[in-house]
Every structure is written in C-alpha cells, then in structure tokens.
All heavy atoms as atom14 arrays in JSON, in Angstrom:
{
  "sequence": "EYDFVIIGGGSAGGVLANRLSEVGNWTVLLLEAGGPETPQAQIPLL",
  "atom14_mask": [
    [1, 1, 1, 1, 1, 1, 1, 1, 1, 0, 0, 0, 0, 0],
    [1, 1, 1, 1, 1, 1, 1, 1, 1, 1, 1, 1, 0, 0],
    [1, 1, 1, 1, 1, 1, 1, 1, 0, 0, 0, 0, 0, 0],
    [1, 1, 1, 1, 1, 1, 1, 1, 1, 1, 1, 0, 0, 0],
    [1, 1, 1, 1, 1, 1, 1, 0, 0, 0, 0, 0, 0, 0],
    [1, 1, 1, 1, 1, 1, 1, 1, 0, 0, 0, 0, 0, 0],
    [1, 1, 1, 1, 1, 1, 1, 1, 0, 0, 0, 0, 0, 0],
    [1, 1, 1, 1, 0, 0, 0, 0, 0, 0, 0, 0, 0, 0],
    [1, 1, 1, 1, 0, 0, 0, 0, 0, 0, 0, 0, 0, 0],
    [1, 1, 1, 1, 0, 0, 0, 0, 0, 0, 0, 0, 0, 0],
    [1, 1, 1, 1, 1, 1, 0, 0, 0, 0, 0, 0, 0, 0],
    [1, 1, 1, 1, 1, 0, 0, 0, 0, 0, 0, 0, 0, 0],
    [1, 1, 1, 1, 0, 0, 0, 0, 0, 0, 0, 0, 0, 0],
    [1, 1, 1, 1, 0, 0, 0, 0, 0, 0, 0, 0, 0, 0],
    [1, 1, 1, 1, 1, 1, 1, 0, 0, 0, 0, 0, 0, 0],
    [1, 1, 1, 1, 1, 1, 1, 1, 0, 0, 0, 0, 0, 0],
    [1, 1, 1, 1, 1, 0, 0, 0, 0, 0, 0, 0, 0, 0],
    [1, 1, 1, 1, 1, 1, 1, 1, 0, 0, 0, 0, 0, 0],
    [1, 1, 1, 1, 1, 1, 1, 1, 1, 1, 1, 0, 0, 0],
    [1, 1, 1, 1, 1, 1, 1, 1, 0, 0, 0, 0, 0, 0],
    [1, 1, 1, 1, 1, 1, 0, 0, 0, 0, 0, 0, 0, 0],
    [1, 1, 1, 1, 1, 1, 1, 1, 1, 0, 0, 0, 0, 0],
    [1, 1, 1, 1, 1, 1, 1, 0, 0, 0, 0, 0, 0, 0],
    [1, 1, 1, 1, 0, 0, 0, 0, 0, 0, 0, 0, 0, 0],
    [1, 1, 1, 1, 1, 1, 1, 1, 0, 0, 0, 0, 0, 0],
    [1, 1, 1, 1, 1, 1, 1, 1, 1, 1, 1, 1, 1, 1],
    [1, 1, 1, 1, 1, 1, 1, 0, 0, 0, 0, 0, 0, 0],
    [1, 1, 1, 1, 1, 1, 1, 0, 0, 0, 0, 0, 0, 0],
    [1, 1, 1, 1, 1, 1, 1, 1, 0, 0, 0, 0, 0, 0],
    [1, 1, 1, 1, 1, 1, 1, 1, 0, 0, 0, 0, 0, 0],
    [1, 1, 1, 1, 1, 1, 1, 1, 0, 0, 0, 0, 0, 0],
    [1, 1, 1, 1, 1, 1, 1, 1, 1, 0, 0, 0, 0, 0],
    [1, 1, 1, 1, 1, 0, 0, 0, 0, 0, 0, 0, 0, 0],
    [1, 1, 1, 1, 0, 0, 0, 0, 0, 0, 0, 0, 0, 0],
    [1, 1, 1, 1, 0, 0, 0, 0, 0, 0, 0, 0, 0, 0],
    [1, 1, 1, 1, 1, 1, 1, 0, 0, 0, 0, 0, 0, 0],
    [1, 1, 1, 1, 1, 1, 1, 1, 1, 0, 0, 0, 0, 0],
    [1, 1, 1, 1, 1, 1, 1, 0, 0, 0, 0, 0, 0, 0],
    [1, 1, 1, 1, 1, 1, 1, 0, 0, 0, 0, 0, 0, 0],
    [1, 1, 1, 1, 1, 1, 1, 1, 1, 0, 0, 0, 0, 0],
    [1, 1, 1, 1, 1, 0, 0, 0, 0, 0, 0, 0, 0, 0],
    [1, 1, 1, 1, 1, 1, 1, 1, 1, 0, 0, 0, 0, 0],
    [1, 1, 1, 1, 1, 1, 1, 1, 0, 0, 0, 0, 0, 0],
    [1, 1, 1, 1, 1, 1, 1, 0, 0, 0, 0, 0, 0, 0],
    [1, 1, 1, 1, 1, 1, 1, 1, 0, 0, 0, 0, 0, 0],
    [1, 1, 1, 1, 1, 1, 1, 1, 0, 0, 0, 0, 0, 0]
  ],
  "atom14_positions": [
    [[98.32, 98.0, 94.43], [96.92, 98.17, 93.99], [95.97, 97.47, 94.97], [96.25, 96.36, 95.49], [96.85, 97.51, 92.6], [95.64, 97.89, 91.81], [95.71, 97.3, 90.39], [96.63, 97.75, 89.61], [94.91, 96.46, 90.11], [0.0, 0.0, 0.0], [0.0, 0.0, 0.0], [0.0, 0.0, 0.0], [0.0, 0.0, 0.0], [0.0, 0.0, 0.0]],
    [[94.78, 98.14, 95.17], [93.75, 97.53, 96.01], [92.41, 97.7, 95.33], [92.23, 98.61, 94.6], [93.72, 98.27, 97.37], [94.92, 98.0, 98.19], [96.09, 98.77, 98.11], [94.98, 96.92, 99.11], [97.21, 98.5, 98.9], [96.07, 96.64, 99.87], [97.18, 97.42, 99.74], [98.29, 97.15, 100.51], [0.0, 0.0, 0.0], [0.0, 0.0, 0.0]],
    [[91.54, 96.76, 95.69], [90.11, 96.9, 95.17], [89.39, 98.0, 95.89], [88.57, 98.72, 95.33], [89.36, 95.58, 95.37], [90.0, 94.46, 94.52], [90.14, 94.69, 93.31], [90.28, 93.38, 95.1], [0.0, 0.0, 0.0], [0.0, 0.0, 0.0], [0.0, 0.0, 0.0], [0.0, 0.0, 0.0], [0.0, 0.0, 0.0], [0.0, 0.0, 0.0]],
    [[89.65, 98.18, 97.22], [88.99, 99.2, 97.99], [90.01, 99.9, 98.89], [90.83, 99.22, 99.49], [87.87, 98.62, 98.88], [86.81, 97.94, 98.14], [86.86, 96.56, 97.85], [85.72, 98.65, 97.63], [85.86, 95.95, 97.13], [84.71, 98.01, 96.92], [84.77, 96.66, 96.69], [0.0, 0.0, 0.0], [0.0, 0.0, 0.0], [0.0, 0.0, 0.0]],
    [[89.96, 101.19, 99.02], [90.71, 101.99, 99.92], [89.75, 102.71, 100.83], [88.94, 103.49, 100.37], [91.65, 102.96, 99.23], [92.43, 103.8, 100.25], [92.59, 102.21, 98.3], [0.0, 0.0, 0.0], [0.0, 0.0, 0.0], [0.0, 0.0, 0.0], [0.0, 0.0, 0.0], [0.0, 0.0, 0.0], [0.0, 0.0, 0.0], [0.0, 0.0, 0.0]],
    [[89.9, 102.45, 102.12], [88.99, 103.05, 103.12], [89.83, 104.01, 103.9], [90.86, 103.68, 104.46], [88.3, 102.02, 104.03], [87.54, 101.07, 103.14], [87.49, 102.65, 105.11], [87.07, 99.83, 103.86], [0.0, 0.0, 0.0], [0.0, 0.0, 0.0], [0.0, 0.0, 0.0], [0.0, 0.0, 0.0], [0.0, 0.0, 0.0], [0.0, 0.0, 0.0]],
    [[89.36, 105.29, 104.01], [90.09, 106.33, 104.7], [89.38, 106.48, 106.04], [88.23, 106.84, 106.18], [90.03, 107.7, 103.98], [90.4, 107.52, 102.51], [90.83, 108.69, 104.71], [91.86, 107.07, 102.32], [0.0, 0.0, 0.0], [0.0, 0.0, 0.0], [0.0, 0.0, 0.0], [0.0, 0.0, 0.0], [0.0, 0.0, 0.0], [0.0, 0.0, 0.0]],
    [[90.14, 106.17, 107.1], [89.6, 106.32, 108.47], [89.41, 104.98, 109.12], [88.5, 104.18, 108.71], [0.0, 0.0, 0.0], [0.0, 0.0, 0.0], [0.0, 0.0, 0.0], [0.0, 0.0, 0.0], [0.0, 0.0, 0.0], [0.0, 0.0, 0.0], [0.0, 0.0, 0.0], [0.0, 0.0, 0.0], [0.0, 0.0, 0.0], [0.0, 0.0, 0.0]],
    [[90.16, 104.7, 110.15], [90.1, 103.4, 110.89], [89.19, 103.49, 112.08], [89.51, 102.87, 113.1], [0.0, 0.0, 0.0], [0.0, 0.0, 0.0], [0.0, 0.0, 0.0], [0.0, 0.0, 0.0], [0.0, 0.0, 0.0], [0.0, 0.0, 0.0], [0.0, 0.0, 0.0], [0.0, 0.0, 0.0], [0.0, 0.0, 0.0], [0.0, 0.0, 0.0]],
    [[88.15, 104.31, 112.04], [87.21, 104.37, 113.17], [86.26, 103.2, 113.15], [86.48, 102.22, 112.42], [0.0, 0.0, 0.0], [0.0, 0.0, 0.0], [0.0, 0.0, 0.0], [0.0, 0.0, 0.0], [0.0, 0.0, 0.0], [0.0, 0.0, 0.0], [0.0, 0.0, 0.0], [0.0, 0.0, 0.0], [0.0, 0.0, 0.0], [0.0, 0.0, 0.0]],
    [[85.18, 103.32, 113.89], [84.21, 102.26, 114.0], [83.6, 101.85, 112.63], [83.61, 100.7, 112.29], [83.09, 102.66, 114.94], [83.58, 102.97, 116.23], [0.0, 0.0, 0.0], [0.0, 0.0, 0.0], [0.0, 0.0, 0.0], [0.0, 0.0, 0.0], [0.0, 0.0, 0.0], [0.0, 0.0, 0.0], [0.0, 0.0, 0.0], [0.0, 0.0, 0.0]],
    [[83.2, 102.82, 111.89], [82.61, 102.52, 110.55], [83.66, 102.01, 109.6], [83.38, 101.05, 108.89], [81.88, 103.76, 110.02], [0.0, 0.0, 0.0], [0.0, 0.0, 0.0], [0.0, 0.0, 0.0], [0.0, 0.0, 0.0], [0.0, 0.0, 0.0], [0.0, 0.0, 0.0], [0.0, 0.0, 0.0], [0.0, 0.0, 0.0], [0.0, 0.0, 0.0]],
    [[84.79, 102.68, 109.53], [85.83, 102.21, 108.6], [86.34, 100.79, 108.94], [86.57, 100.01, 108.03], [0.0, 0.0, 0.0], [0.0, 0.0, 0.0], [0.0, 0.0, 0.0], [0.0, 0.0, 0.0], [0.0, 0.0, 0.0], [0.0, 0.0, 0.0], [0.0, 0.0, 0.0], [0.0, 0.0, 0.0], [0.0, 0.0, 0.0], [0.0, 0.0, 0.0]],
    [[86.45, 100.51, 110.23], [86.88, 99.19, 110.6], [85.89, 98.11, 110.21], [86.22, 97.05, 109.72], [0.0, 0.0, 0.0], [0.0, 0.0, 0.0], [0.0, 0.0, 0.0], [0.0, 0.0, 0.0], [0.0, 0.0, 0.0], [0.0, 0.0, 0.0], [0.0, 0.0, 0.0], [0.0, 0.0, 0.0], [0.0, 0.0, 0.0], [0.0, 0.0, 0.0]],
    [[84.6, 98.39, 110.45], [83.55, 97.39, 110.1], [83.5, 97.28, 108.58], [83.37, 96.07, 108.05], [82.2, 97.81, 110.68], [81.09, 97.01, 110.13], [82.19, 97.79, 112.15], [0.0, 0.0, 0.0], [0.0, 0.0, 0.0], [0.0, 0.0, 0.0], [0.0, 0.0, 0.0], [0.0, 0.0, 0.0], [0.0, 0.0, 0.0], [0.0, 0.0, 0.0]],
    [[83.54, 98.34, 107.86], [83.48, 98.26, 106.37], [84.68, 97.48, 105.82], [84.46, 96.61, 104.96], [83.47, 99.73, 105.82], [83.31, 99.84, 104.29], [82.06, 99.16, 103.8], [83.38, 101.26, 103.87], [0.0, 0.0, 0.0], [0.0, 0.0, 0.0], [0.0, 0.0, 0.0], [0.0, 0.0, 0.0], [0.0, 0.0, 0.0], [0.0, 0.0, 0.0]],
    [[85.87, 97.76, 106.33], [87.04, 97.03, 105.85], [86.89, 95.56, 106.18], [87.2, 94.66, 105.33], [88.32, 97.6, 106.49], [0.0, 0.0, 0.0], [0.0, 0.0, 0.0], [0.0, 0.0, 0.0], [0.0, 0.0, 0.0], [0.0, 0.0, 0.0], [0.0, 0.0, 0.0], [0.0, 0.0, 0.0], [0.0, 0.0, 0.0], [0.0, 0.0, 0.0]],
    [[86.44, 95.24, 107.35], [86.25, 93.82, 107.7], [85.23, 93.13, 106.83], [85.51, 91.99, 106.31], [85.8, 93.72, 109.2], [85.66, 92.26, 109.6], [86.55, 91.42, 109.49], [84.46, 91.94, 110.12], [0.0, 0.0, 0.0], [0.0, 0.0, 0.0], [0.0, 0.0, 0.0], [0.0, 0.0, 0.0], [0.0, 0.0, 0.0], [0.0, 0.0, 0.0]],
    [[84.11, 93.75, 106.53], [83.07, 93.15, 105.74], [83.57, 92.95, 104.29], [83.34, 91.93, 103.67], [81.8, 93.99, 105.77], [81.07, 94.0, 107.05], [80.55, 92.69, 107.57], [79.62, 92.08, 106.71], [78.26, 92.23, 106.76], [77.78, 92.94, 107.69], [77.47, 91.58, 105.92], [0.0, 0.0, 0.0], [0.0, 0.0, 0.0], [0.0, 0.0, 0.0]],
    [[84.2, 93.95, 103.71], [84.72, 93.9, 102.35], [85.81, 92.77, 102.28], [85.91, 92.09, 101.25], [85.27, 95.21, 101.9], [84.25, 96.31, 101.64], [84.91, 97.64, 101.39], [83.34, 95.92, 100.49], [0.0, 0.0, 0.0], [0.0, 0.0, 0.0], [0.0, 0.0, 0.0], [0.0, 0.0, 0.0], [0.0, 0.0, 0.0], [0.0, 0.0, 0.0]],
    [[86.65, 92.66, 103.29], [87.71, 91.65, 103.27], [87.19, 90.19, 103.35], [87.93, 89.28, 103.11], [88.75, 91.95, 104.34], [88.2, 91.71, 105.6], [0.0, 0.0, 0.0], [0.0, 0.0, 0.0], [0.0, 0.0, 0.0], [0.0, 0.0, 0.0], [0.0, 0.0, 0.0], [0.0, 0.0, 0.0], [0.0, 0.0, 0.0], [0.0, 0.0, 0.0]],
    [[85.9, 90.05, 103.66], [85.37, 88.68, 103.75], [85.23, 88.07, 102.39], [85.14, 86.83, 102.22], [84.02, 88.73, 104.39], [84.04, 89.06, 105.91], [82.68, 89.24, 106.53], [81.64, 89.19, 105.81], [82.64, 89.4, 107.73], [0.0, 0.0, 0.0], [0.0, 0.0, 0.0], [0.0, 0.0, 0.0], [0.0, 0.0, 0.0], [0.0, 0.0, 0.0]],
    [[85.23, 88.88, 101.29], [85.22, 88.36, 99.92], [86.66, 87.99, 99.58], [87.52, 88.9, 99.58], [84.62, 89.35, 98.92], [84.67, 88.84, 97.54], [83.24, 89.74, 99.35], [0.0, 0.0, 0.0], [0.0, 0.0, 0.0], [0.0, 0.0, 0.0], [0.0, 0.0, 0.0], [0.0, 0.0, 0.0], [0.0, 0.0, 0.0], [0.0, 0.0, 0.0]],
    [[86.88, 86.69, 99.4], [88.25, 86.19, 99.27], [89.09, 86.83, 98.25], [90.31, 86.96, 98.46], [0.0, 0.0, 0.0], [0.0, 0.0, 0.0], [0.0, 0.0, 0.0], [0.0, 0.0, 0.0], [0.0, 0.0, 0.0], [0.0, 0.0, 0.0], [0.0, 0.0, 0.0], [0.0, 0.0, 0.0], [0.0, 0.0, 0.0], [0.0, 0.0, 0.0]],
    [[88.64, 87.26, 97.15], [89.51, 87.8, 96.07], [89.56, 89.29, 96.09], [90.14, 89.88, 95.17], [89.11, 87.23, 94.7], [87.66, 87.67, 94.37], [86.88, 88.04, 95.18], [87.34, 87.53, 93.06], [0.0, 0.0, 0.0], [0.0, 0.0, 0.0], [0.0, 0.0, 0.0], [0.0, 0.0, 0.0], [0.0, 0.0, 0.0], [0.0, 0.0, 0.0]],
    [[89.0, 89.99, 97.07], [89.04, 91.41, 97.16], [90.22, 91.8, 98.06], [90.44, 91.17, 99.12], [87.78, 91.97, 97.74], [86.63, 92.07, 96.72], [86.65, 91.68, 95.43], [85.28, 92.38, 97.01], [85.4, 91.84, 94.87], [84.53, 92.3, 95.87], [84.64, 92.81, 98.18], [83.23, 92.6, 95.79], [83.28, 93.12, 98.1], [82.58, 92.96, 96.9]],
    [[90.9, 92.86, 97.73], [91.93, 93.4, 98.58], [91.48, 94.75, 99.14], [90.88, 95.56, 98.4], [93.31, 93.56, 97.87], [93.08, 94.41, 96.72], [93.81, 92.24, 97.47], [0.0, 0.0, 0.0], [0.0, 0.0, 0.0], [0.0, 0.0, 0.0], [0.0, 0.0, 0.0], [0.0, 0.0, 0.0], [0.0, 0.0, 0.0], [0.0, 0.0, 0.0]],
    [[91.72, 94.98, 100.39], [91.26, 96.19, 101.07], [92.39, 96.84, 101.8], [93.19, 96.15, 102.52], [90.13, 95.83, 102.09], [89.64, 97.07, 102.79], [89.02, 95.05, 101.42], [0.0, 0.0, 0.0], [0.0, 0.0, 0.0], [0.0, 0.0, 0.0], [0.0, 0.0, 0.0], [0.0, 0.0, 0.0], [0.0, 0.0, 0.0], [0.0, 0.0, 0.0]],
    [[92.5, 98.17, 101.66], [93.52, 98.93, 102.37], [92.74, 99.89, 103.3], [91.92, 100.68, 102.84], [94.42, 99.73, 101.45], [95.39, 100.7, 102.1], [96.4, 99.94, 102.95], [96.11, 101.51, 101.03], [0.0, 0.0, 0.0], [0.0, 0.0, 0.0], [0.0, 0.0, 0.0], [0.0, 0.0, 0.0], [0.0, 0.0, 0.0], [0.0, 0.0, 0.0]],
    [[93.03, 99.81, 104.58], [92.4, 100.71, 105.58], [93.51, 101.7, 106.04], [94.54, 101.28, 106.56], [91.87, 99.91, 106.76], [91.31, 100.7, 107.89], [90.08, 101.47, 107.47], [90.92, 99.76, 109.01], [0.0, 0.0, 0.0], [0.0, 0.0, 0.0], [0.0, 0.0, 0.0], [0.0, 0.0, 0.0], [0.0, 0.0, 0.0], [0.0, 0.0, 0.0]],
    [[93.3, 102.97, 105.82], [94.23, 104.04, 106.17], [93.72, 104.81, 107.37], [92.54, 105.21, 107.38], [94.45, 105.02, 104.98], [95.08, 104.37, 103.73], [95.16, 105.42, 102.65], [96.47, 103.86, 104.02], [0.0, 0.0, 0.0], [0.0, 0.0, 0.0], [0.0, 0.0, 0.0], [0.0, 0.0, 0.0], [0.0, 0.0, 0.0], [0.0, 0.0, 0.0]],
    [[94.58, 105.03, 108.31], [94.22, 105.82, 109.48], [95.39, 106.76, 109.81], [96.54, 106.36, 109.86], [94.0, 104.91, 110.75], [93.9, 105.58, 112.08], [92.76, 106.61, 112.12], [91.65, 106.31, 111.71], [93.03, 107.74, 112.54], [0.0, 0.0, 0.0], [0.0, 0.0, 0.0], [0.0, 0.0, 0.0], [0.0, 0.0, 0.0], [0.0, 0.0, 0.0]],
    [[95.09, 108.07, 110.04], [96.13, 109.09, 110.23], [96.73, 108.89, 111.6], [97.9, 109.18, 111.79], [95.5, 110.45, 110.14], [0.0, 0.0, 0.0], [0.0, 0.0, 0.0], [0.0, 0.0, 0.0], [0.0, 0.0, 0.0], [0.0, 0.0, 0.0], [0.0, 0.0, 0.0], [0.0, 0.0, 0.0], [0.0, 0.0, 0.0], [0.0, 0.0, 0.0]],
    [[95.97, 108.43, 112.57], [96.51, 108.24, 113.91], [97.13, 106.85, 114.03], [97.14, 106.02, 113.13], [0.0, 0.0, 0.0], [0.0, 0.0, 0.0], [0.0, 0.0, 0.0], [0.0, 0.0, 0.0], [0.0, 0.0, 0.0], [0.0, 0.0, 0.0], [0.0, 0.0, 0.0], [0.0, 0.0, 0.0], [0.0, 0.0, 0.0], [0.0, 0.0, 0.0]],
    [[97.7, 106.62, 115.18], [98.36, 105.34, 115.42], [97.46, 104.44, 116.24], [96.26, 104.6, 116.36], [0.0, 0.0, 0.0], [0.0, 0.0, 0.0], [0.0, 0.0, 0.0], [0.0, 0.0, 0.0], [0.0, 0.0, 0.0], [0.0, 0.0, 0.0], [0.0, 0.0, 0.0], [0.0, 0.0, 0.0], [0.0, 0.0, 0.0], [0.0, 0.0, 0.0]],
    [[98.08, 103.37, 116.85], [97.3, 102.49, 117.66], [96.92, 103.14, 118.98], [97.51, 104.1, 119.38], [98.3, 101.34, 117.89], [99.6, 101.92, 117.73], [99.49, 103.02, 116.73], [0.0, 0.0, 0.0], [0.0, 0.0, 0.0], [0.0, 0.0, 0.0], [0.0, 0.0, 0.0], [0.0, 0.0, 0.0], [0.0, 0.0, 0.0], [0.0, 0.0, 0.0]],
    [[95.9, 102.61, 119.63], [95.44, 103.2, 120.87], [96.45, 103.0, 121.96], [97.24, 102.05, 121.91], [94.08, 102.64, 121.29], [94.05, 101.21, 121.53], [92.69, 100.69, 121.87], [91.71, 101.23, 121.35], [92.57, 99.7, 122.63], [0.0, 0.0, 0.0], [0.0, 0.0, 0.0], [0.0, 0.0, 0.0], [0.0, 0.0, 0.0], [0.0, 0.0, 0.0]],
    [[96.46, 103.86, 122.93], [97.37, 103.72, 124.05], [96.77, 102.81, 125.06], [95.57, 102.52, 125.05], [97.58, 105.1, 124.68], [96.36, 105.62, 125.2], [98.18, 106.1, 123.67], [0.0, 0.0, 0.0], [0.0, 0.0, 0.0], [0.0, 0.0, 0.0], [0.0, 0.0, 0.0], [0.0, 0.0, 0.0], [0.0, 0.0, 0.0], [0.0, 0.0, 0.0]],
    [[97.54, 102.33, 126.05], [96.98, 101.5, 127.12], [95.81, 102.18, 127.87], [94.86, 101.51, 128.19], [98.15, 101.2, 128.05], [99.34, 101.34, 127.19], [99.02, 102.39, 126.16], [0.0, 0.0, 0.0], [0.0, 0.0, 0.0], [0.0, 0.0, 0.0], [0.0, 0.0, 0.0], [0.0, 0.0, 0.0], [0.0, 0.0, 0.0], [0.0, 0.0, 0.0]],
    [[95.89, 103.49, 128.12], [94.88, 104.2, 128.74], [93.55, 104.13, 127.98], [92.45, 104.17, 128.56], [95.23, 105.68, 129.01], [96.36, 105.79, 129.93], [97.73, 105.76, 129.26], [97.85, 105.37, 128.1], [98.81, 106.09, 129.98], [0.0, 0.0, 0.0], [0.0, 0.0, 0.0], [0.0, 0.0, 0.0], [0.0, 0.0, 0.0], [0.0, 0.0, 0.0]],
    [[93.66, 104.06, 126.68], [92.44, 104.05, 125.76], [91.66, 102.78, 125.98], [90.52, 102.69, 125.53], [92.92, 104.26, 124.34], [0.0, 0.0, 0.0], [0.0, 0.0, 0.0], [0.0, 0.0, 0.0], [0.0, 0.0, 0.0], [0.0, 0.0, 0.0], [0.0, 0.0, 0.0], [0.0, 0.0, 0.0], [0.0, 0.0, 0.0], [0.0, 0.0, 0.0]],
    [[92.2, 101.76, 126.49], [91.52, 100.52, 126.71], [90.63, 100.5, 127.98], [89.93, 99.53, 128.24], [92.53, 99.36, 126.77], [93.27, 99.22, 125.45], [94.3, 98.16, 125.5], [94.3, 97.27, 126.42], [95.17, 98.13, 124.53], [0.0, 0.0, 0.0], [0.0, 0.0, 0.0], [0.0, 0.0, 0.0], [0.0, 0.0, 0.0], [0.0, 0.0, 0.0]],
    [[90.68, 101.62, 128.73], [89.88, 101.73, 130.01], [88.84, 102.83, 129.73], [89.21, 104.03, 129.76], [90.78, 102.03, 131.2], [91.81, 100.95, 131.31], [89.91, 102.15, 132.43], [92.88, 101.33, 132.37], [0.0, 0.0, 0.0], [0.0, 0.0, 0.0], [0.0, 0.0, 0.0], [0.0, 0.0, 0.0], [0.0, 0.0, 0.0], [0.0, 0.0, 0.0]],
    [[87.59, 102.52, 129.51], [86.59, 103.56, 129.25], [86.54, 104.65, 130.33], [86.32, 105.86, 129.99], [85.26, 102.77, 129.21], [85.65, 101.42, 128.8], [87.01, 101.19, 129.49], [0.0, 0.0, 0.0], [0.0, 0.0, 0.0], [0.0, 0.0, 0.0], [0.0, 0.0, 0.0], [0.0, 0.0, 0.0], [0.0, 0.0, 0.0], [0.0, 0.0, 0.0]],
    [[86.86, 104.39, 131.54], [86.82, 105.35, 132.6], [87.84, 106.51, 132.39], [87.64, 107.61, 132.81], [87.11, 104.68, 133.94], [87.2, 105.55, 135.17], [85.84, 106.21, 135.5], [87.69, 104.8, 136.39], [0.0, 0.0, 0.0], [0.0, 0.0, 0.0], [0.0, 0.0, 0.0], [0.0, 0.0, 0.0], [0.0, 0.0, 0.0], [0.0, 0.0, 0.0]],
    [[88.89, 106.19, 131.64], [89.93, 107.2, 131.4], [89.77, 107.92, 130.11], [90.66, 108.76, 129.74], [91.34, 106.5, 131.42], [91.72, 105.74, 132.7], [93.06, 105.1, 132.57], [91.71, 106.73, 133.89], [0.0, 0.0, 0.0], [0.0, 0.0, 0.0], [0.0, 0.0, 0.0], [0.0, 0.0, 0.0], [0.0, 0.0, 0.0], [0.0, 0.0, 0.0]]
  ]
}
C-alpha cells in the first residue's frame, strides 16, 4: 500500500515523487515503464 502512486519517472514525475516523499509519514511509489538510463544518455551531445 502507498499514499501516492506516480506513473512516469520523467522530469515531472521525479520532482513530484521527491516533493511528496519529503513528508515523513507519506509513502510514494514511482513507476516507470523504462529502465535506467544508459551511459550514453549521460552525455547530452549523444
């Protein structure tokens, strides 16, 4: 069980999950269909 379920780990979803998790007694689940970024994704030029 979670207090909030956020669908999408993009920029907005990540910020929203972070802000909601600042409240100590709230639990937040952030769901993302994709996986972690690849090493190439860390270089804006690529």
